[in-house]
Amino acid sequence: MTFFSTHGISALLRTRHVATAADVGLTLRAAAPCVTYLLAAAGVRLNLDLPAAEANH
């Protein structure tokens, strides 16, 4: 992936809401750097279960 926007953040947050309601965990794996950067810049990274190795990118 080379592009990620606020639409992607919105989709992830909606998915997280549905997963939480179903008592299911949500993990974002092998996220592209543009994804982790934008999530961190938007302050969303803490709301998703990102593996520690990926959260530091």
Protein backbone atom coordinates (compact mmCIF):
# COMPACT_ATOMS: atom_id res chain seq x y z
CA MET A 1 0.00 0.00 0.00
CA THR A 2 1.35 3.41 -0.90
CA PHE A 3 -1.58 5.62 0.12
CA PHE A 4 -3.81 5.73 3.18
CA SER A 5 -6.30 8.46 4.07
CA THR A 6 -8.87 9.42 6.65
CA HIS A 7 -11.33 7.14 4.89
CA GLY A 8 -9.09 4.22 5.86
CA ILE A 9 -8.96 5.42 9.47
CA SER A 10 -12.74 5.67 9.52
CA ALA A 11 -13.10 2.14 8.13
CA LEU A 12 -10.67 0.77 10.73
CA LEU A 13 -12.51 2.52 13.57
CA ARG A 14 -15.89 1.22 12.36
CA THR A 15 -14.42 -2.27 12.12
CA ARG A 16 -12.99 -1.94 15.63
CA HIS A 17 -16.42 -0.89 16.92
CA VAL A 18 -18.07 -3.94 15.37
CA ALA A 19 -15.29 -6.23 16.65
CA THR A 20 -15.61 -4.81 20.17
CA ALA A 21 -19.38 -5.28 20.11
CA ALA A 22 -18.83 -8.91 19.08
CA ASP A 23 -16.16 -9.33 21.79
CA VAL A 24 -13.52 -10.04 19.14
CA GLY A 25 -10.00 -8.59 19.08
CA LEU A 26 -8.74 -6.53 16.16
CA THR A 27 -5.07 -6.60 15.19
CA LEU A 28 -3.55 -4.69 12.31
CA ARG A 29 -0.65 -6.74 10.95
CA ALA A 30 2.03 -5.92 8.41
CA ALA A 31 0.76 -2.37 8.03
CA ALA A 32 2.52 -0.25 5.46
CA PRO A 33 4.56 2.65 6.86
CA CYS A 34 2.08 5.18 5.44
CA VAL A 35 -0.67 3.49 7.47
CA THR A 36 1.17 3.43 10.79
CA TYR A 37 2.37 7.01 10.25
CA LEU A 38 -1.10 8.39 9.60
CA LEU A 39 -2.64 6.42 12.47
CA ALA A 40 0.05 7.76 14.82
CA ALA A 41 -0.33 11.32 13.51
CA ALA A 42 -4.08 11.12 14.05
CA GLY A 43 -3.61 9.65 17.53
CA VAL A 44 -5.49 6.51 16.53
CA ARG A 45 -2.65 4.02 16.96
CA LEU A 46 -3.39 3.65 20.66
CA ASN A 47 -6.96 2.63 19.88
CA LEU A 48 -5.93 -0.39 17.81
CA ASP A 49 -4.06 -3.48 18.89
CA LEU A 50 -0.90 -2.98 16.85
CA PRO A 51 1.90 -5.47 17.44
CA ALA A 52 4.74 -3.65 19.25
CA ALA A 53 7.25 -4.13 16.43
CA GLU A 54 4.93 -2.39 13.95
CA ALA A 55 3.78 0.35 16.31
CA ASN A 56 7.31 1.78 16.40
CA HIS A 57 7.51 2.50 12.64
